[in-house]
C-alpha atoms as a PDB file:
ATOM      1  CA  MET A   1     122.676  95.396 108.142  1.00  0.00           C
ATOM      2  CA  ARG A   2     126.140  93.976 107.614  1.00  0.00           C
ATOM      3  CA  LEU A   3     129.383  95.110 106.106  1.00  0.00           C
ATOM      4  CA  ALA A   4     130.429  93.483 102.856  1.00  0.00           C
ATOM      5  CA  THR A   5     133.806  91.809 102.835  1.00  0.00           C
ATOM      6  CA  SER A   6     135.067  93.689  99.788  1.00  0.00           C
ATOM      7  CA  PRO A   7     138.092  95.997 100.008  1.00  0.00           C
ATOM      8  CA  THR A   8     135.742  99.015  99.789  1.00  0.00           C
ATOM      9  CA  THR A   9     133.734  97.895 102.856  1.00  0.00           C
ATOM     10  CA  ALA A  10     130.414  98.869 101.293  1.00  0.00           C
ATOM     11  CA  LEU A  11     127.275  98.868 103.393  1.00  0.00           C
ATOM     12  CA  VAL A  12     124.779  96.168 102.551  1.00  0.00           C
ATOM     13  CA  LEU A  13     121.324  97.338 103.592  1.00  0.00           C
ATOM     14  CA  THR A  14     117.896  95.691 103.374  1.00  0.00           C
ATOM     15  CA  ASN A  15     115.513  98.538 102.512  1.00  0.00           C
ATOM     16  CA  VAL A  16     117.866 101.311 101.435  1.00  0.00           C
ATOM     17  CA  LEU A  17     120.170 101.548  98.441  1.00  0.00           C
ATOM     18  CA  TYR A  18     123.385 103.386  99.295  1.00  0.00           C
ATOM     19  CA  GLU A  19     125.985 104.437  96.782  1.00  0.00           C
ATOM     20  CA  LYS A  20     128.864 106.889  96.709  1.00  0.00           C
ATOM     21  CA  LYS A  21     129.868 108.647  93.514  1.00  0.00           C
ATOM     22  CA  GLY A  22     132.733 111.049  93.984  1.00  0.00           C
ATOM     23  CA  ALA A  23     131.873 113.484  96.754  1.00  0.00           C
ATOM     24  CA  VAL A  24     128.144 112.638  96.790  1.00  0.00           C
ATOM     25  CA  ALA A  25     126.360 109.846  98.657  1.00  0.00           C
ATOM     26  CA  TYR A  26     123.032 108.651  97.238  1.00  0.00           C
ATOM     27  CA  VAL A  27     120.475 107.237  99.684  1.00  0.00           C
ATOM     28  CA  THR A  28     117.350 105.657  98.167  1.00  0.00           C
ATOM     29  CA  VAL A  29     114.501 104.269 100.269  1.00  0.00           C
ATOM     30  CA  ASN A  30     113.781 101.066  98.348  1.00  0.00           C
ATOM     31  CA  ARG A  31     110.242  99.964  99.260  1.00  0.00           C
ATOM     32  CA  PRO A  32     108.240 101.096  96.218  1.00  0.00           C
ATOM     33  CA  LYS A  33     105.489  98.472  96.704  1.00  0.00           C
ATOM     34  CA  VAL A  34     104.474 100.274  99.923  1.00  0.00           C
ATOM     35  CA  LEU A  35     105.248 103.768  98.570  1.00  0.00           C
ATOM     36  CA  ASN A  36     108.542 103.781 100.495  1.00  0.00           C
ATOM     37  CA  ALA A  37     106.799 103.739 103.876  1.00  0.00           C
ATOM     38  CA  LEU A  38     109.241 103.833 106.790  1.00  0.00           C
ATOM     39  CA  ASN A  39     109.347 100.771 109.050  1.00  0.00           C
ATOM     40  CA  THR A  40     111.942  99.923 111.714  1.00  0.00           C
ATOM     41  CA  PRO A  41     114.355  98.104 109.381  1.00  0.00           C
ATOM     42  CA  THR A  42     114.194 101.055 106.974  1.00  0.00           C
ATOM     43  CA  TRP A  43     114.897 103.565 109.754  1.00  0.00           C
ATOM     44  CA  THR A  44     117.845 101.360 110.811  1.00  0.00           C
ATOM     45  CA  ASP A  45     119.183 101.317 107.249  1.00  0.00           C
ATOM     46  CA  LEU A  46     118.759 105.088 106.926  1.00  0.00           C
ATOM     47  CA  ARG A  47     120.683 105.605 110.140  1.00  0.00           C
ATOM     48  CA  ALA A  48     123.558 103.401 108.936  1.00  0.00           C
ATOM     49  CA  ALA A  49     123.711 105.146 105.554  1.00  0.00           C
ATOM     50  CA  PHE A  50     123.652 108.662 106.996  1.00  0.00           C
ATOM     51  CA  GLU A  51     126.196 107.789 109.700  1.00  0.00           C
ATOM     52  CA  ASP A  52     128.499 106.466 106.985  1.00  0.00           C
ATOM     53  CA  ALA A  53     128.022 109.620 104.890  1.00  0.00           C
ATOM     54  CA  ARG A  54     128.640 111.800 107.953  1.00  0.00           C
ATOM     55  CA  ASP A  55     131.816 109.967 108.896  1.00  0.00           C
ATOM     56  CA  ASP A  56     133.283 109.792 105.379  1.00  0.00           C
ATOM     57  CA  THR A  57     135.364 112.936 104.899  1.00  0.00           C
ATOM     58  CA  ALA A  58     135.327 112.451 101.115  1.00  0.00           C
ATOM     59  CA  ILE A  59     131.529 112.852 101.070  1.00  0.00           C
ATOM     60  CA  ARG A  60     130.472 116.491 100.812  1.00  0.00           C
ATOM     61  CA  GLY A  61     126.716 116.066 100.353  1.00  0.00           C
ATOM     62  CA  VAL A  62     123.881 113.528 100.259  1.00  0.00           C
ATOM     63  CA  VAL A  63     120.936 113.028  97.900  1.00  0.00           C
ATOM     64  CA  LEU A  64     117.926 111.297  99.479  1.00  0.00           C
ATOM     65  CA  THR A  65     115.163 109.885  97.283  1.00  0.00           C
ATOM     66  CA  GLY A  66     112.585 107.134  97.070  1.00  0.00           C
ATOM     67  CA  ALA A  67     112.583 104.218  94.637  1.00  0.00           C
ATOM     68  CA  GLY A  68     109.924 104.049  91.947  1.00  0.00           C
ATOM     69  CA  ASN A  69     107.954 106.875  90.414  1.00  0.00           C
ATOM     70  CA  LYS A  70     104.936 107.028  92.733  1.00  0.00           C
ATOM     71  CA  ALA A  71     106.350 108.225  96.051  1.00  0.00           C
ATOM     72  CA  PHE A  72     109.311 109.919  97.665  1.00  0.00           C
ATOM     73  CA  ILE A  73     108.334 108.628 101.126  1.00  0.00           C
ATOM     74  CA  ALA A  74     104.825 107.792 102.329  1.00  0.00           C
ATOM     75  CA  GLY A  75     105.550 108.399 106.015  1.00  0.00           C
ATOM     76  CA  ALA A  76     105.319 105.754 108.725  1.00  0.00           C
ATOM     77  CA  ASP A  77     104.510 102.165 107.842  1.00  0.00           C
ATOM     78  CA  ILE A  78     101.055 101.924 109.417  1.00  0.00           C
ATOM     79  CA  THR A  79     101.020  98.140 108.950  1.00  0.00           C
ATOM     80  CA  GLU A  80     103.953  97.874 111.352  1.00  0.00           C
ATOM     81  CA  LEU A  81     102.565 100.424 113.809  1.00  0.00           C
ATOM     82  CA  ALA A  82      99.208  98.611 114.033  1.00  0.00           C
ATOM     83  CA  HIS A  83     100.914  95.682 115.769  1.00  0.00           C
ATOM     84  CA  LEU A  84     102.892  97.660 118.373  1.00  0.00           C
ATOM     85  CA  THR A  85     102.014  98.328 121.980  1.00  0.00           C
ATOM     86  CA  ALA A  86     101.837 101.960 123.082  1.00  0.00           C
ATOM     87  CA  PHE A  87     105.325 101.676 124.592  1.00  0.00           C
ATOM     88  CA  GLU A  88     106.762 100.069 121.447  1.00  0.00           C
ATOM     89  CA  ALA A  89     105.125 102.742 119.273  1.00  0.00           C
ATOM     90  CA  GLU A  90     106.706 105.467 121.397  1.00  0.00           C
ATOM     91  CA  GLN A  91     110.124 103.781 121.150  1.00  0.00           C
ATOM     92  CA  SER A  92     109.710 103.449 117.381  1.00  0.00           C
ATOM     93  CA  SER A  93     108.759 107.104 117.079  1.00  0.00           C
ATOM     94  CA  ARG A  94     111.749 108.194 119.168  1.00  0.00           C
ATOM     95  CA  PHE A  95     114.095 106.100 117.022  1.00  0.00           C
ATOM     96  CA  GLY A  96     112.693 107.688 113.858  1.00  0.00           C
ATOM     97  CA  GLN A  97     113.081 111.158 115.381  1.00  0.00           C
ATOM     98  CA  ASP A  98     116.707 110.345 116.281  1.00  0.00           C
ATOM     99  CA  VAL A  99     117.390 109.418 112.650  1.00  0.00           C
ATOM    100  CA  LEU A 100     115.745 112.646 111.487  1.00  0.00           C
ATOM    101  CA  ASP A 101     117.902 114.581 113.961  1.00  0.00           C
ATOM    102  CA  LEU A 102     120.977 112.876 112.453  1.00  0.00           C
ATOM    103  CA  ILE A 103     119.884 113.924 108.945  1.00  0.00           C
ATOM    104  CA  GLU A 104     119.082 117.478 110.054  1.00  0.00           C
ATOM    105  CA  ASN A 105     122.413 117.913 111.827  1.00  0.00           C
ATOM    106  CA  LEU A 106     124.573 115.928 109.402  1.00  0.00           C
ATOM    107  CA  GLY A 107     126.980 118.804 108.858  1.00  0.00           C
ATOM    108  CA  LYS A 108     126.685 118.326 105.089  1.00  0.00           C
ATOM    109  CA  PRO A 109     123.932 119.362 102.687  1.00  0.00           C
ATOM    110  CA  VAL A 110     121.140 116.835 102.180  1.00  0.00           C
ATOM    111  CA  ILE A 111     119.072 117.207  99.016  1.00  0.00           C
ATOM    112  CA  ALA A 112     115.645 115.568  98.833  1.00  0.00           C
ATOM    113  CA  ALA A 113     115.024 114.443  95.259  1.00  0.00           C
ATOM    114  CA  VAL A 114     111.226 114.429  95.556  1.00  0.00           C
ATOM    115  CA  ASN A 115     109.266 112.607  92.888  1.00  0.00           C
ATOM    116  CA  GLY A 116     105.652 111.690  93.591  1.00  0.00           C
ATOM    117  CA  PHE A 117     103.922 111.548  96.958  1.00  0.00           C
ATOM    118  CA  ALA A 118     105.631 112.911 100.060  1.00  0.00           C
ATOM    119  CA  LEU A 119     103.293 112.020 102.909  1.00  0.00           C
ATOM    120  CA  GLY A 120     103.703 112.376 106.637  1.00  0.00           C
ATOM    121  CA  GLY A 121     105.643 115.596 106.182  1.00  0.00           C
ATOM    122  CA  ASP A 122     108.089 115.411 109.093  1.00  0.00           C
ATOM    123  CA  MET A 123     111.236 115.455 106.952  1.00  0.00           C
ATOM    124  CA  LEU A 124     109.884 118.229 104.773  1.00  0.00           C
ATOM    125  CA  GLU A 125     107.490 120.173 107.000  1.00  0.00           C
ATOM    126  CA  LYS A 126     109.899 120.668 109.883  1.00  0.00           C
ATOM    127  CA  ARG A 127     112.740 121.674 107.542  1.00  0.00           C
ATOM    128  CA  ARG A 128     114.886 118.727 108.471  1.00  0.00           C
ATOM    129  CA  ILE A 129     115.979 118.738 104.836  1.00  0.00           C
ATOM    130  CA  ARG A 130     116.540 122.234 103.489  1.00  0.00           C
ATOM    131  CA  TYR A 131     117.200 121.565  99.810  1.00  0.00           C
ATOM    132  CA  PHE A 132     114.764 120.041  97.338  1.00  0.00           C
ATOM    133  CA  ALA A 133     114.939 118.913  93.736  1.00  0.00           C
ATOM    134  CA  GLY A 134     112.313 117.422  91.488  1.00  0.00           C
ATOM    135  CA  GLY A 135     109.227 118.572  89.739  1.00  0.00           C
ATOM    136  CA  ASN A 136     106.545 115.966  90.370  1.00  0.00           C
ATOM    137  CA  PHE A 137     105.721 116.621  94.024  1.00  0.00           C
ATOM    138  CA  GLU A 138     102.369 115.427  95.354  1.00  0.00           C
ATOM    139  CA  GLY A 139     102.289 116.509  98.980  1.00  0.00           C
ATOM    140  CA  GLY A 140      99.836 115.058 101.449  1.00  0.00           C
ATOM    141  CA  ASN A 141     100.461 117.962 103.795  1.00  0.00           C
ATOM    142  CA  ILE A 142      99.604 121.503 102.671  1.00  0.00           C
ATOM    143  CA  GLU A 143     102.310 123.124 104.820  1.00  0.00           C
ATOM    144  CA  ALA A 144     104.960 120.826 103.318  1.00  0.00           C
ATOM    145  CA  ARG A 145     103.679 121.686  99.831  1.00  0.00           C
ATOM    146  CA  GLN A 146     103.849 125.432 100.533  1.00  0.00           C
ATOM    147  CA  GLU A 147     107.366 125.074 101.946  1.00  0.00           C
ATOM    148  CA  ILE A 148     108.583 123.211  98.878  1.00  0.00           C
ATOM    149  CA  ASP A 149     106.861 125.683  96.550  1.00  0.00           C
ATOM    150  CA  ALA A 150     108.564 128.564  98.372  1.00  0.00           C
ATOM    151  CA  MET A 151     111.956 126.855  98.157  1.00  0.00           C
ATOM    152  CA  PHE A 152     111.601 126.229  94.428  1.00  0.00           C
ATOM    153  CA  ILE A 153     110.711 129.885  93.878  1.00  0.00           C
ATOM    154  CA  LYS A 154     113.402 131.243  96.197  1.00  0.00           C
ATOM    155  CA  GLY A 155     116.031 128.881  94.811  1.00  0.00           C
ATOM    156  CA  GLY A 156     115.285 129.808  91.233  1.00  0.00           C
ATOM    157  CA  GLY A 157     114.101 126.301  90.388  1.00  0.00           C
ATOM    158  CA  LYS A 158     110.908 125.576  88.569  1.00  0.00           C
ATOM    159  CA  LYS A 159     107.718 124.270  90.062  1.00  0.00           C
END
Protein backbone atom coordinates (compact mmCIF):
# COMPACT_ATOMS: atom_id res chain seq x y z
CA MET A 1 0.00 0.00 0.00
CA ARG A 2 1.18 3.51 -0.73
CA LEU A 3 -0.30 6.96 -0.81
CA ALA A 4 -0.72 8.57 -4.20
CA THR A 5 0.95 11.92 -4.69
CA SER A 6 -2.20 13.68 -5.86
CA PRO A 7 -3.68 16.60 -3.90
CA THR A 8 -6.49 14.29 -2.69
CA THR A 9 -4.01 11.79 -1.17
CA ALA A 10 -6.01 8.79 -2.35
CA LEU A 11 -5.11 5.33 -1.13
CA VAL A 12 -3.62 3.04 -3.73
CA LEU A 13 -4.31 -0.55 -2.73
CA THR A 14 -3.41 -3.87 -4.36
CA ASN A 15 -6.45 -6.09 -3.77
CA VAL A 16 -9.10 -3.61 -2.68
CA LEU A 17 -10.79 -0.82 -4.61
CA TYR A 18 -11.50 2.18 -2.39
CA GLU A 19 -13.54 5.17 -3.41
CA LYS A 20 -15.32 7.99 -1.63
CA LYS A 21 -18.48 9.52 -3.03
CA GLY A 22 -19.90 12.24 -0.84
CA ALA A 23 -20.39 10.89 2.66
CA VAL A 24 -20.03 7.22 1.65
CA ALA A 25 -16.86 5.16 1.27
CA TYR A 26 -17.00 2.14 -1.05
CA VAL A 27 -14.69 -0.79 -0.28
CA THR A 28 -14.56 -3.59 -2.87
CA VAL A 29 -12.50 -6.75 -2.41
CA ASN A 30 -11.05 -7.09 -5.91
CA ARG A 31 -9.96 -10.73 -6.33
CA PRO A 32 -12.80 -12.18 -8.42
CA LYS A 33 -10.64 -14.95 -9.95
CA VAL A 34 -10.38 -16.53 -6.47
CA LEU A 35 -13.93 -15.56 -5.43
CA ASN A 36 -12.53 -12.65 -3.39
CA ALA A 37 -10.73 -14.96 -0.96
CA LEU A 38 -8.92 -13.06 1.80
CA ASN A 39 -5.12 -13.33 1.86
CA THR A 40 -2.67 -11.23 3.89
CA PRO A 41 -2.29 -8.43 1.33
CA THR A 42 -6.08 -8.20 1.08
CA TRP A 43 -6.48 -8.01 4.86
CA THR A 44 -3.80 -5.28 4.87
CA ASP A 45 -5.67 -3.33 2.19
CA LEU A 46 -8.97 -3.73 4.04
CA ARG A 47 -7.38 -2.40 7.20
CA ALA A 48 -6.00 0.66 5.39
CA ALA A 49 -9.34 1.39 3.70
CA PHE A 50 -11.39 1.05 6.88
CA GLU A 51 -8.90 3.08 8.93
CA ASP A 52 -9.15 5.84 6.32
CA ALA A 53 -12.96 5.71 6.39
CA ARG A 54 -12.94 5.76 10.20
CA ASP A 55 -10.61 8.74 10.37
CA ASP A 56 -12.33 10.80 7.66
CA THR A 57 -14.98 12.90 9.40
CA ALA A 58 -16.74 13.53 6.08
CA ILE A 59 -17.45 9.80 5.71
CA ARG A 60 -20.67 8.77 7.45
CA GLY A 61 -20.93 5.16 6.28
CA VAL A 62 -19.18 2.41 4.32
CA VAL A 63 -20.39 -0.08 1.70
CA LEU A 64 -18.36 -3.30 1.52
CA THR A 65 -18.72 -5.62 -1.46
CA GLY A 66 -16.84 -8.10 -3.60
CA ALA A 67 -15.85 -7.65 -7.24
CA GLY A 68 -17.49 -9.80 -9.89
CA ASN A 69 -20.86 -11.49 -9.78
CA LYS A 70 -19.94 -14.87 -8.28
CA ALA A 71 -18.90 -14.07 -4.72
CA PHE A 72 -19.08 -11.45 -2.00
CA ILE A 73 -16.15 -13.01 -0.11
CA ALA A 74 -15.11 -16.67 -0.15
CA GLY A 75 -13.44 -16.60 3.27
CA ALA A 76 -9.76 -17.28 3.88
CA ASP A 77 -7.41 -17.89 0.98
CA ILE A 78 -6.64 -21.57 1.60
CA THR A 79 -3.81 -21.49 -0.97
CA GLU A 80 -1.95 -19.02 1.24
CA LEU A 81 -2.77 -20.84 4.48
CA ALA A 82 -1.47 -24.16 3.12
CA HIS A 83 2.07 -22.76 3.07
CA LEU A 84 2.12 -21.29 6.60
CA THR A 85 3.55 -22.79 9.75
CA ALA A 86 1.19 -23.19 12.71
CA PHE A 87 2.61 -20.02 14.27
CA GLU A 88 2.27 -18.04 11.03
CA ALA A 89 -1.30 -19.29 10.58
CA GLU A 90 -2.17 -18.13 14.10
CA GLN A 91 -0.61 -14.71 13.43
CA SER A 92 -2.53 -14.45 10.15
CA SER A 93 -5.78 -15.37 11.88
CA ARG A 94 -5.19 -12.80 14.63
CA PHE A 95 -4.49 -10.10 12.04
CA GLY A 96 -7.72 -10.94 10.21
CA GLN A 97 -9.65 -10.85 13.49
CA ASP A 98 -8.13 -7.43 14.28
CA VAL A 99 -9.38 -6.12 10.93
CA LEU A 100 -12.83 -7.56 11.62
CA ASP A 101 -12.80 -5.89 15.04
CA LEU A 102 -11.98 -2.58 13.30
CA ILE A 103 -14.93 -3.05 10.93
CA GLU A 104 -17.28 -4.07 13.75
CA ASN A 105 -16.31 -1.10 15.92
CA LEU A 106 -15.87 1.47 13.15
CA GLY A 107 -18.30 3.91 14.73
CA LYS A 108 -20.08 4.28 11.38
CA PRO A 109 -22.56 1.98 9.64
CA VAL A 110 -21.05 -0.66 7.36
CA ILE A 111 -23.35 -2.14 4.73
CA ALA A 112 -22.43 -5.47 3.13
CA ALA A 113 -23.61 -5.45 -0.48
CA VAL A 114 -23.79 -9.24 -0.81
CA ASN A 115 -24.00 -10.69 -4.29
CA GLY A 116 -23.19 -14.36 -4.79
CA PHE A 117 -21.32 -16.65 -2.43
CA ALA A 118 -20.51 -15.52 1.10
CA LEU A 119 -18.38 -18.31 2.53
CA GLY A 120 -16.50 -18.57 5.79
CA GLY A 121 -19.21 -16.60 7.57
CA ASP A 122 -17.17 -14.70 10.16
CA MET A 123 -18.13 -11.23 8.93
CA LEU A 124 -21.76 -12.21 8.59
CA GLU A 125 -22.31 -14.97 11.14
CA LYS A 126 -20.84 -13.11 14.10
CA ARG A 127 -22.73 -9.91 13.22
CA ARG A 128 -19.59 -7.93 12.58
CA ILE A 129 -21.57 -6.22 9.83
CA ARG A 130 -25.14 -5.46 10.85
CA TYR A 131 -26.63 -4.16 7.61
CA PHE A 132 -27.02 -6.12 4.38
CA ALA A 133 -28.13 -5.30 0.87
CA GLY A 134 -28.45 -7.48 -2.19
CA GLY A 135 -30.67 -10.22 -3.38
CA ASN A 136 -28.44 -12.95 -4.78
CA PHE A 137 -26.97 -14.41 -1.59
CA GLU A 138 -25.55 -17.93 -1.71
CA GLY A 139 -24.37 -18.65 1.82
CA GLY A 140 -22.01 -21.49 2.60
CA ASN A 141 -22.99 -21.31 6.25
CA ILE A 142 -26.60 -21.99 7.27
CA GLU A 143 -26.44 -19.71 10.33
CA ALA A 144 -25.18 -16.82 8.19
CA ARG A 145 -27.98 -17.48 5.70
CA GLN A 146 -30.63 -17.47 8.45
CA GLU A 147 -29.20 -14.25 9.90
CA ILE A 148 -29.31 -12.50 6.54
CA ASP A 149 -32.82 -13.81 5.84
CA ALA A 150 -33.97 -12.48 9.22
CA MET A 151 -32.38 -9.08 8.56
CA PHE A 152 -34.03 -8.78 5.15
CA ILE A 153 -37.41 -9.59 6.69
CA LYS A 154 -36.94 -7.36 9.74
CA GLY A 155 -35.56 -4.50 7.65
CA GLY A 156 -38.42 -4.62 5.20
CA GLY A 157 -36.15 -5.61 2.32
CA LYS A 158 -36.90 -8.43 -0.03
CA LYS A 159 -35.28 -11.82 -0.06
